[in-house]
Protein backbone atom coordinates (compact mmCIF):
# COMPACT_ATOMS: atom_id res chain seq x y z
CA MET A 1 10.63 -115.35 -11.95
CA ILE A 2 12.69 -113.24 -14.59
CA VAL A 3 15.83 -111.62 -13.19
CA LYS A 4 17.83 -109.29 -14.85
CA PHE A 5 21.38 -107.92 -13.55
CA ASN A 6 24.02 -105.87 -15.18
CA PHE A 7 27.78 -106.47 -13.91
CA LEU A 8 31.19 -105.26 -15.13
CA SER A 9 32.76 -108.42 -16.66
CA LYS A 10 36.20 -108.78 -16.27
CA SER A 11 36.60 -111.36 -19.33
CA LEU A 12 34.57 -108.97 -21.62
CA GLY A 13 36.16 -105.33 -20.13
CA MET A 14 32.51 -103.98 -19.69
CA GLN A 15 29.24 -104.02 -18.67
CA THR A 16 27.33 -106.89 -19.65
CA ASN A 17 24.00 -107.85 -19.59
CA VAL A 18 22.73 -111.33 -18.36
CA THR A 19 18.51 -112.48 -17.74
CA MET A 20 17.88 -115.43 -16.01
CA CYS A 21 14.73 -117.82 -15.06
CA LEU A 22 14.83 -118.64 -11.72
CA PRO A 23 11.70 -121.19 -10.30
CA SER A 24 9.34 -119.40 -7.79
CA PHE A 25 5.79 -120.22 -6.44
CA SER A 26 3.63 -121.01 -9.16
CA PHE A 27 -0.40 -121.16 -9.87
CA ALA A 28 0.52 -124.61 -11.20
CA ASP A 29 1.50 -125.61 -7.88
CA GLU A 30 -1.20 -124.30 -5.60
CA LEU A 31 -3.96 -125.95 -8.11
CA ASN A 32 -1.68 -129.53 -7.73
CA ARG A 33 -1.53 -128.85 -4.42
CA GLU A 34 2.21 -130.81 -4.43
CA ASP A 35 4.07 -127.67 -2.84
CA SER A 36 3.35 -124.88 -0.22
CA LEU A 37 5.39 -121.51 0.49
CA GLY A 38 7.22 -123.92 2.84
CA GLY A 39 8.26 -126.06 0.69
CA THR A 40 8.98 -123.64 -2.20
CA TYR A 41 11.01 -121.17 -0.59
CA VAL A 42 13.74 -123.26 2.28
CA PRO A 43 17.24 -121.56 3.00
CA GLY A 44 20.09 -123.37 1.33
CA MET A 45 17.85 -125.04 -1.69
CA LYS A 46 19.55 -124.91 -4.89
CA PHE A 47 18.18 -125.52 -8.35
CA GLN A 48 19.15 -127.69 -11.48
CA THR A 49 20.87 -125.49 -13.87
CA MET A 50 21.17 -124.73 -17.54
CA TYR A 51 23.07 -122.53 -19.51
CA LEU A 52 21.52 -121.31 -22.56
CA LEU A 53 23.21 -119.58 -24.97
CA HIS A 54 21.62 -117.49 -27.70
CA GLY A 55 22.04 -117.26 -31.70
CA GLY A 56 23.56 -114.33 -33.87
CA PHE A 57 22.36 -110.79 -33.88
CA GLY A 58 20.63 -111.83 -30.98
CA ASP A 59 20.99 -111.17 -27.04
CA ASP A 60 20.23 -111.80 -23.49
CA SER A 61 16.66 -111.47 -23.62
CA ASP A 62 16.04 -113.72 -26.72
CA TYR A 63 14.69 -116.21 -25.44
CA VAL A 64 11.93 -114.57 -23.04
CA ASN A 65 10.76 -112.57 -25.74
CA PHE A 66 10.32 -115.20 -28.41
CA THR A 67 9.63 -118.08 -26.69
CA ASN A 68 7.84 -119.66 -23.29
CA ILE A 69 11.20 -120.24 -21.38
CA ALA A 70 10.21 -118.70 -18.04
CA ARG A 71 7.18 -121.19 -18.32
CA TYR A 72 8.87 -124.17 -18.92
CA ALA A 73 11.51 -123.07 -16.55
CA ASP A 74 8.95 -122.67 -13.60
CA ASP A 75 7.34 -126.21 -14.69
CA ASN A 76 10.59 -128.22 -14.38
CA LYS A 77 12.04 -126.47 -11.12
CA LEU A 78 15.07 -125.59 -13.47
CA ALA A 79 17.27 -122.29 -13.06
CA VAL A 80 18.08 -120.59 -16.80
CA VAL A 81 20.84 -118.27 -17.48
CA MET A 82 20.57 -116.44 -20.72
CA PRO A 83 24.26 -114.57 -20.93
CA CYS A 84 24.67 -111.63 -23.82
CA GLY A 85 27.04 -113.05 -26.30
CA TYR A 86 26.43 -110.77 -28.75
CA ASN A 87 28.26 -112.17 -32.62
CA SER A 88 31.03 -112.89 -30.69
CA PHE A 89 30.19 -116.88 -31.54
CA TYR A 90 31.33 -117.28 -27.72
CA THR A 91 34.71 -117.46 -28.73
CA ASP A 92 38.12 -114.60 -27.76
CA GLY A 93 38.91 -112.01 -30.00
CA VAL A 94 39.59 -108.18 -30.64
CA GLU A 95 37.34 -105.25 -30.74
CA GLY A 96 38.94 -102.46 -31.66
CA PHE A 97 41.52 -102.08 -28.64
CA ILE A 98 39.90 -104.27 -26.50
CA VAL A 99 40.89 -108.24 -26.09
CA SER A 100 37.05 -109.17 -25.66
CA LYS A 101 37.50 -112.44 -23.78
CA TYR A 102 34.02 -114.04 -24.60
CA TRP A 103 34.86 -117.95 -23.88
CA GLU A 104 36.60 -117.13 -21.10
CA TYR A 105 33.72 -114.76 -19.63
CA VAL A 106 30.69 -117.72 -20.67
CA PHE A 107 32.80 -121.00 -19.66
CA GLU A 108 34.63 -119.26 -16.57
CA GLU A 109 33.61 -115.82 -15.26
CA LEU A 110 29.75 -116.38 -15.63
CA PRO A 111 29.25 -119.82 -13.91
CA LYS A 112 30.77 -118.20 -11.03
CA VAL A 113 29.48 -115.21 -10.61
CA CYS A 114 26.02 -117.14 -10.93
CA GLU A 115 27.03 -119.44 -8.20
CA SER A 116 28.19 -117.14 -5.70
CA MET A 117 25.32 -115.08 -6.27
CA PHE A 118 22.13 -117.59 -7.01
CA PRO A 119 20.75 -121.07 -5.57
CA ILE A 120 21.60 -123.05 -8.33
CA SER A 121 23.47 -126.21 -8.09
CA THR A 122 27.06 -126.42 -9.20
CA LYS A 123 27.11 -130.49 -9.16
CA ARG A 124 27.45 -131.70 -12.77
CA GLU A 125 24.57 -134.06 -12.41
CA ASP A 126 22.46 -131.17 -12.19
CA THR A 127 24.30 -129.03 -14.68
CA TYR A 128 23.32 -128.25 -18.49
CA VAL A 129 24.32 -126.01 -21.34
CA GLY A 130 22.07 -125.40 -24.52
CA GLY A 131 22.08 -123.24 -27.44
CA LEU A 132 20.35 -122.28 -30.72
CA SER A 133 22.81 -121.65 -34.22
CA MET A 134 25.54 -119.41 -33.10
CA GLY A 135 24.93 -120.44 -29.69
CA SER A 136 25.28 -124.15 -30.38
CA HIS A 137 28.69 -123.47 -31.19
CA GLY A 138 28.90 -122.07 -27.75
CA ALA A 139 27.08 -124.85 -25.84
CA MET A 140 29.17 -127.92 -27.82
CA LYS A 141 32.24 -126.49 -27.04
CA MET A 142 31.24 -125.82 -23.08
CA ALA A 143 30.06 -129.15 -22.84
CA VAL A 144 33.04 -130.21 -24.75
CA MET A 145 35.94 -128.37 -22.57
CA GLY A 146 34.04 -128.70 -19.58
CA CYS A 147 32.67 -132.40 -19.48
CA GLU A 148 33.21 -132.76 -16.05
CA ARG A 149 30.92 -130.04 -15.51
CA TYR A 150 28.12 -130.17 -17.86
CA ALA A 151 25.83 -133.79 -18.19
CA GLY A 152 24.45 -132.83 -21.29
CA ALA A 153 24.17 -130.33 -23.89
CA LEU A 154 21.03 -129.12 -26.11
CA ILE A 155 22.23 -128.20 -29.75
CA MET A 156 19.56 -126.25 -31.80
CA SER A 157 19.88 -126.09 -35.24
CA GLY A 158 23.59 -125.78 -35.47
CA ARG A 159 26.98 -127.42 -34.40
CA SER A 160 30.43 -126.20 -33.77
CA LEU A 161 32.50 -124.57 -36.56
CA ASP A 162 34.92 -127.02 -38.08
CA ASP A 163 38.18 -126.39 -36.38
CA ARG A 164 40.51 -128.36 -38.35
CA LEU A 165 41.44 -125.57 -41.04
CA ARG A 166 41.75 -122.87 -38.32
CA MET A 167 44.81 -121.57 -36.71
CA SER A 168 46.33 -123.21 -33.51
CA PRO A 169 46.99 -121.24 -30.12
CA GLU A 170 50.53 -120.85 -30.88
CA GLU A 171 50.02 -119.12 -33.96
CA HIS A 172 47.17 -116.89 -32.40
CA THR A 173 48.23 -113.76 -31.73
CA LEU A 174 46.73 -110.09 -31.01
CA ASN A 175 48.55 -108.73 -34.31
CA ALA A 176 46.31 -111.05 -36.65
CA PRO A 177 43.83 -108.77 -38.37
CA VAL A 178 39.86 -108.83 -37.29
CA GLY A 179 38.68 -112.07 -38.29
CA GLU A 180 41.54 -114.08 -38.58
CA ALA A 181 42.90 -116.80 -35.27
CA VAL A 182 39.97 -115.59 -33.66
CA TRP A 183 38.64 -119.60 -33.56
CA GLU A 184 40.34 -121.09 -30.83
CA ASN A 185 37.79 -123.87 -30.20
CA TYR A 186 39.93 -127.55 -30.92
CA ILE A 187 36.32 -129.50 -30.39
CA TYR A 188 36.79 -132.18 -31.86
CA GLN A 189 40.49 -132.91 -30.93
CA GLN A 190 39.46 -132.43 -27.49
CA ALA A 191 36.01 -134.44 -27.67
CA ALA A 192 38.68 -137.49 -28.78
CA GLU A 193 41.04 -136.47 -26.09
CA ASN A 194 38.28 -137.06 -23.30
CA VAL A 195 37.46 -140.50 -24.89
CA LYS A 196 40.97 -141.35 -24.55
CA SER A 197 41.70 -139.89 -21.27
CA GLU A 198 38.11 -141.78 -20.04
CA LYS A 199 36.64 -138.84 -18.53
CA MET A 200 32.90 -138.35 -17.95
CA LEU A 201 31.19 -137.55 -21.37
CA PRO A 202 28.22 -135.28 -21.72
CA LYS A 203 25.27 -136.70 -23.49
CA PHE A 204 24.19 -134.80 -26.47
CA TYR A 205 21.02 -133.64 -28.02
CA PHE A 206 21.00 -132.31 -31.56
CA THR A 207 18.05 -131.01 -32.99
CA CYS A 208 16.99 -129.51 -36.19
CA GLY A 209 14.02 -128.49 -38.03
CA GLY A 210 13.59 -130.93 -41.19
CA ASP A 211 13.49 -127.72 -43.40
CA ASP A 212 16.42 -125.87 -42.04
CA MET A 213 19.83 -125.55 -43.94
CA ALA A 214 21.36 -126.43 -41.08
CA SER A 215 20.20 -129.52 -41.01
CA PRO A 216 23.11 -131.63 -42.84
CA PHE A 217 25.79 -129.86 -40.50
CA VAL A 218 23.81 -130.95 -37.06
CA LYS A 219 23.70 -134.43 -38.59
CA GLU A 220 27.31 -134.55 -39.54
CA ALA A 221 28.03 -133.04 -35.80
CA ARG A 222 26.04 -135.83 -34.64
CA ASP A 223 27.63 -138.70 -36.42
CA HIS A 224 30.86 -137.50 -35.19
CA PHE A 225 30.67 -137.84 -31.79
CA ALA A 226 28.58 -140.75 -32.47
CA GLU A 227 31.92 -142.34 -33.75
CA LEU A 228 33.87 -140.97 -31.18
CA GLY A 229 32.08 -142.72 -28.43
CA TYR A 230 29.75 -140.01 -27.04
CA GLU A 231 25.80 -140.87 -26.17
CA VAL A 232 23.89 -138.81 -28.71
CA GLU A 233 20.08 -138.56 -29.70
CA HIS A 234 19.05 -136.52 -32.45
CA THR A 235 15.22 -135.17 -33.35
CA GLU A 236 14.43 -133.90 -36.83
CA ILE A 237 11.16 -132.33 -36.82
CA PRO A 238 9.81 -132.18 -40.34
CA GLY A 239 8.13 -128.98 -41.38
CA TYR A 240 10.31 -126.23 -39.52
CA VAL A 241 13.06 -123.94 -40.84
CA HIS A 242 15.49 -121.61 -38.70
CA GLU A 243 13.03 -120.53 -36.83
CA TRP A 244 11.42 -119.45 -33.26
CA ASP A 245 8.51 -121.68 -33.76
CA PHE A 246 10.81 -124.44 -33.81
CA TRP A 247 13.39 -123.53 -30.95
CA ASP A 248 10.02 -122.85 -28.64
CA LEU A 249 9.33 -126.10 -29.49
CA ALA A 250 12.63 -127.80 -29.46
CA LEU A 251 13.01 -126.06 -25.62
CA ARG A 252 9.73 -127.39 -24.46
CA LYS A 253 10.43 -131.02 -25.72
CA ALA A 254 14.17 -131.11 -24.35
CA LEU A 255 12.96 -129.51 -21.21
CA TYR A 256 9.96 -131.63 -20.60
CA GLU A 257 10.82 -135.21 -22.40
CA TRP A 258 14.80 -135.39 -23.25
CA LEU A 259 16.73 -134.27 -20.57
CA PRO A 260 16.57 -136.13 -17.39
CA ILE A 261 15.62 -133.49 -15.07
CA LYS A 262 14.55 -134.23 -11.51
CA ARG A 263 11.45 -131.47 -11.62
CA GLU A 264 11.96 -130.27 -8.31
CA VAL A 265 13.77 -128.06 -5.76
CA LEU A 266 17.21 -129.47 -4.45
CA LEU A 267 16.73 -129.11 -0.77
CA PRO A 268 19.88 -128.95 1.76
């Protein structure tokens, strides 16, 4: 089932849209006779969950419009949460007179809203994050900064922006011009700190089209995380560029083959 809702985000200071895929009783369940209405709808049941971030110039409806994510989610008994991040790179910044906290929204506020309103598991082993292009930046950042919350991250056709030349938190001020000092992600620094602190590390699944201009950057991120000690997998599929045909294929392979999804309702 597709759920669309709109709510007033405190972090964003405005109404925002979220699209969700929630598994329900399906025709496939009836054909396979592996389930029944009594087994599908159980009070207190939960679903494994993926927070799935769209790319630049998109919104929360992209994956539903351009991929088969609804069917993939149903088949795998996986809840998929797709927020609207506009062109924010899922990073806090300034828009006009408003401080738009897109990072705070997607990392802190959105999970709290979804976990309180929908039957999704809060266990680390049941929670994943993914994204394509611009969304891969947000997904990588969420997995690194929230390593105790996410078991794995699907990084499609992109990586986190290189933060080595960016400003530090102490240098970031609201007086800086728009376009400057809005990147506060220190991904690689935090990734290394996670290893040093012996935290639980998420597994990264990198994938890209073989003819995509982003391929070298994906490989660079893969190598960086592997050198740090993270478990990584990388799949490059020849013949594809920066396109929805590839992202649909990548989602299918991720949910059916790559990610350790249980593919069953989590009963109380």
